[in-house]
Amino acid sequence: MDATDQTPEPGSDPGSHPDADAVASRAELLPEEKEAGSADPQAQAEAILADSQERTEDPEGTRHDSNQTPG
């Protein structure tokens, strides 16, 4: 997207779901995560990526809801 194009990039909507490839990649558990166990690594990866995407794209809107967003 150039400076004059106001069309958002695909997946850049703060409420959109993360890319399926990114979720699949993040759902692969590390050895220590496998040892601890996970009921649904796919759902966990999707939730984490969606939250991260929302905080990245709308830091002002999420700052009050999360102590993870720097103030």
N, C-alpha and C. Protein backbone atom coordinates (compact mmCIF):
# COMPACT_ATOMS: atom_id res chain seq x y z
N MET A 1 0.85 -1.17 0.00
CA MET A 1 0.00 0.00 0.00
C MET A 1 0.90 1.23 0.00
N ASP A 2 0.67 2.15 -0.94
CA ASP A 2 1.47 3.37 -0.95
C ASP A 2 0.76 4.46 -0.13
N ALA A 3 1.39 5.61 -0.01
CA ALA A 3 0.87 6.68 0.85
C ALA A 3 -0.49 7.20 0.40
N THR A 4 -0.82 7.09 -0.89
CA THR A 4 -2.10 7.61 -1.37
C THR A 4 -3.20 6.57 -1.36
N ASP A 5 -2.85 5.30 -1.26
CA ASP A 5 -3.83 4.23 -1.26
C ASP A 5 -4.33 4.03 0.17
N GLN A 6 -5.62 4.23 0.39
CA GLN A 6 -6.21 4.09 1.71
C GLN A 6 -6.88 2.73 1.92
N THR A 7 -6.70 1.80 0.99
CA THR A 7 -7.27 0.48 1.11
C THR A 7 -6.47 -0.32 2.13
N PRO A 8 -7.13 -0.85 3.17
CA PRO A 8 -6.38 -1.61 4.17
C PRO A 8 -5.83 -2.91 3.60
N GLU A 9 -4.72 -3.35 4.13
CA GLU A 9 -4.14 -4.62 3.74
C GLU A 9 -5.07 -5.74 4.19
N PRO A 10 -5.11 -6.87 3.46
CA PRO A 10 -5.93 -8.00 3.89
C PRO A 10 -5.52 -8.45 5.29
N GLY A 11 -6.51 -8.69 6.14
CA GLY A 11 -6.23 -9.13 7.50
C GLY A 11 -5.85 -8.02 8.44
N SER A 12 -5.89 -6.75 8.00
CA SER A 12 -5.47 -5.65 8.87
C SER A 12 -6.62 -5.09 9.69
N ASP A 13 -7.83 -5.59 9.52
CA ASP A 13 -8.96 -5.15 10.32
C ASP A 13 -8.75 -5.61 11.76
N PRO A 14 -8.82 -4.70 12.75
CA PRO A 14 -8.56 -5.09 14.13
C PRO A 14 -9.40 -6.26 14.62
N GLY A 15 -10.56 -6.51 14.07
CA GLY A 15 -11.39 -7.62 14.51
C GLY A 15 -11.24 -8.86 13.68
N SER A 16 -10.38 -8.84 12.66
CA SER A 16 -10.26 -9.98 11.76
C SER A 16 -9.49 -11.11 12.40
N HIS A 17 -9.67 -12.30 11.81
CA HIS A 17 -8.96 -13.48 12.30
C HIS A 17 -7.55 -13.51 11.74
N PRO A 18 -6.61 -14.04 12.50
CA PRO A 18 -5.23 -14.14 11.99
C PRO A 18 -5.14 -15.10 10.81
N ASP A 19 -4.10 -14.94 10.03
CA ASP A 19 -3.83 -15.77 8.87
C ASP A 19 -3.72 -17.24 9.29
N ALA A 20 -4.36 -18.13 8.54
CA ALA A 20 -4.38 -19.56 8.86
C ALA A 20 -2.98 -20.16 8.90
N ASP A 21 -2.10 -19.73 8.01
CA ASP A 21 -0.73 -20.24 8.02
C ASP A 21 0.01 -19.83 9.29
N ALA A 22 -0.22 -18.58 9.73
CA ALA A 22 0.42 -18.11 10.96
C ALA A 22 -0.09 -18.90 12.16
N VAL A 23 -1.38 -19.17 12.19
CA VAL A 23 -1.95 -19.96 13.29
C VAL A 23 -1.36 -21.36 13.31
N ALA A 24 -1.32 -22.00 12.15
CA ALA A 24 -0.77 -23.36 12.07
C ALA A 24 0.68 -23.40 12.52
N SER A 25 1.44 -22.39 12.12
CA SER A 25 2.84 -22.31 12.51
C SER A 25 2.99 -22.16 14.03
N ARG A 26 2.18 -21.28 14.60
CA ARG A 26 2.27 -21.03 16.05
C ARG A 26 1.67 -22.15 16.88
N ALA A 27 0.83 -22.97 16.28
CA ALA A 27 0.19 -24.07 17.00
C ALA A 27 1.14 -25.24 17.24
N GLU A 28 2.27 -25.24 16.53
CA GLU A 28 3.27 -26.29 16.76
C GLU A 28 3.91 -26.05 18.12
N LEU A 29 3.73 -27.00 19.02
CA LEU A 29 4.20 -26.82 20.39
C LEU A 29 5.70 -27.04 20.52
N LEU A 30 6.31 -26.25 21.40
CA LEU A 30 7.70 -26.45 21.76
C LEU A 30 7.79 -27.66 22.68
N PRO A 31 8.97 -28.25 22.83
CA PRO A 31 9.08 -29.44 23.69
C PRO A 31 8.54 -29.22 25.10
N GLU A 32 8.83 -28.07 25.70
CA GLU A 32 8.33 -27.82 27.05
C GLU A 32 6.81 -27.63 27.09
N GLU A 33 6.25 -27.12 25.97
CA GLU A 33 4.79 -26.99 25.89
C GLU A 33 4.14 -28.36 25.72
N LYS A 34 4.78 -29.24 24.95
CA LYS A 34 4.27 -30.60 24.79
C LYS A 34 4.26 -31.31 26.14
N GLU A 35 5.32 -31.11 26.91
CA GLU A 35 5.42 -31.74 28.22
C GLU A 35 4.31 -31.25 29.16
N ALA A 36 4.02 -29.96 29.11
CA ALA A 36 2.98 -29.39 29.97
C ALA A 36 1.59 -29.77 29.48
N GLY A 37 1.45 -30.00 28.17
CA GLY A 37 0.17 -30.38 27.59
C GLY A 37 -0.64 -29.17 27.15
N SER A 38 -1.48 -29.39 26.17
CA SER A 38 -2.36 -28.35 25.66
C SER A 38 -3.62 -29.01 25.13
N ALA A 39 -4.77 -28.53 25.57
CA ALA A 39 -6.03 -29.11 25.14
C ALA A 39 -6.32 -28.80 23.67
N ASP A 40 -5.94 -27.60 23.22
CA ASP A 40 -6.24 -27.19 21.85
C ASP A 40 -5.22 -26.15 21.39
N PRO A 41 -4.04 -26.59 20.95
CA PRO A 41 -3.01 -25.63 20.56
C PRO A 41 -3.43 -24.74 19.39
N GLN A 42 -4.26 -25.23 18.49
CA GLN A 42 -4.73 -24.43 17.35
C GLN A 42 -5.57 -23.25 17.85
N ALA A 43 -6.50 -23.50 18.74
CA ALA A 43 -7.35 -22.43 19.28
C ALA A 43 -6.53 -21.46 20.11
N GLN A 44 -5.58 -21.97 20.87
CA GLN A 44 -4.72 -21.09 21.67
C GLN A 44 -3.90 -20.18 20.78
N ALA A 45 -3.32 -20.73 19.72
CA ALA A 45 -2.52 -19.92 18.79
C ALA A 45 -3.38 -18.85 18.14
N GLU A 46 -4.59 -19.21 17.72
CA GLU A 46 -5.48 -18.24 17.09
C GLU A 46 -5.84 -17.11 18.06
N ALA A 47 -6.14 -17.45 19.30
CA ALA A 47 -6.51 -16.43 20.29
C ALA A 47 -5.33 -15.49 20.58
N ILE A 48 -4.14 -16.04 20.71
CA ILE A 48 -2.96 -15.22 21.00
C ILE A 48 -2.65 -14.29 19.84
N LEU A 49 -2.69 -14.83 18.61
CA LEU A 49 -2.41 -14.00 17.44
C LEU A 49 -3.47 -12.92 17.24
N ALA A 50 -4.73 -13.24 17.47
CA ALA A 50 -5.80 -12.25 17.33
C ALA A 50 -5.62 -11.13 18.35
N ASP A 51 -5.28 -11.49 19.58
CA ASP A 51 -5.05 -10.47 20.61
C ASP A 51 -3.85 -9.60 20.27
N SER A 52 -2.78 -10.22 19.83
CA SER A 52 -1.58 -9.48 19.46
C SER A 52 -1.86 -8.54 18.29
N GLN A 53 -2.59 -9.04 17.30
CA GLN A 53 -2.92 -8.22 16.14
C GLN A 53 -3.77 -7.02 16.57
N GLU A 54 -4.73 -7.24 17.44
CA GLU A 54 -5.58 -6.14 17.90
C GLU A 54 -4.77 -5.09 18.65
N ARG A 55 -3.86 -5.54 19.54
CA ARG A 55 -3.03 -4.59 20.29
C ARG A 55 -2.08 -3.83 19.39
N THR A 56 -1.57 -4.48 18.33
CA THR A 56 -0.66 -3.84 17.40
C THR A 56 -1.38 -2.79 16.56
N GLU A 57 -2.58 -3.13 16.09
CA GLU A 57 -3.30 -2.25 15.19
C GLU A 57 -4.09 -1.15 15.90
N ASP A 58 -4.39 -1.34 17.17
CA ASP A 58 -5.19 -0.36 17.91
C ASP A 58 -4.66 -0.21 19.33
N PRO A 59 -3.41 0.26 19.48
CA PRO A 59 -2.84 0.35 20.83
C PRO A 59 -3.62 1.28 21.75
N GLU A 60 -4.13 2.38 21.22
CA GLU A 60 -4.92 3.30 22.05
C GLU A 60 -6.19 2.63 22.56
N GLY A 61 -6.84 1.88 21.71
CA GLY A 61 -8.09 1.22 22.08
C GLY A 61 -7.92 0.07 23.04
N THR A 62 -6.74 -0.55 23.05
CA THR A 62 -6.52 -1.71 23.92
C THR A 62 -5.70 -1.37 25.16
N ARG A 63 -5.14 -0.18 25.22
CA ARG A 63 -4.25 0.19 26.33
C ARG A 63 -4.93 0.03 27.68
N HIS A 64 -6.18 0.41 27.78
CA HIS A 64 -6.88 0.34 29.07
C HIS A 64 -7.31 -1.07 29.44
N ASP A 65 -7.41 -1.95 28.44
CA ASP A 65 -7.84 -3.31 28.67
C ASP A 65 -6.71 -4.29 28.97
N SER A 66 -5.47 -3.89 28.69
CA SER A 66 -4.37 -4.83 28.80
C SER A 66 -3.14 -4.18 29.40
N ASN A 67 -2.57 -4.85 30.39
CA ASN A 67 -1.31 -4.35 30.94
C ASN A 67 -0.13 -4.73 30.06
N GLN A 68 -0.38 -5.45 28.95
CA GLN A 68 0.67 -5.81 28.01
C GLN A 68 0.98 -4.70 27.03
N THR A 69 0.03 -3.78 26.83
CA THR A 69 0.24 -2.68 25.90
C THR A 69 0.95 -1.55 26.62
N PRO A 70 2.14 -1.17 26.17
CA PRO A 70 2.88 -0.12 26.87
C PRO A 70 2.12 1.20 26.88
N GLY A 71 2.26 1.92 27.96
CA GLY A 71 1.50 3.15 28.13
C GLY A 71 2.28 4.35 27.81
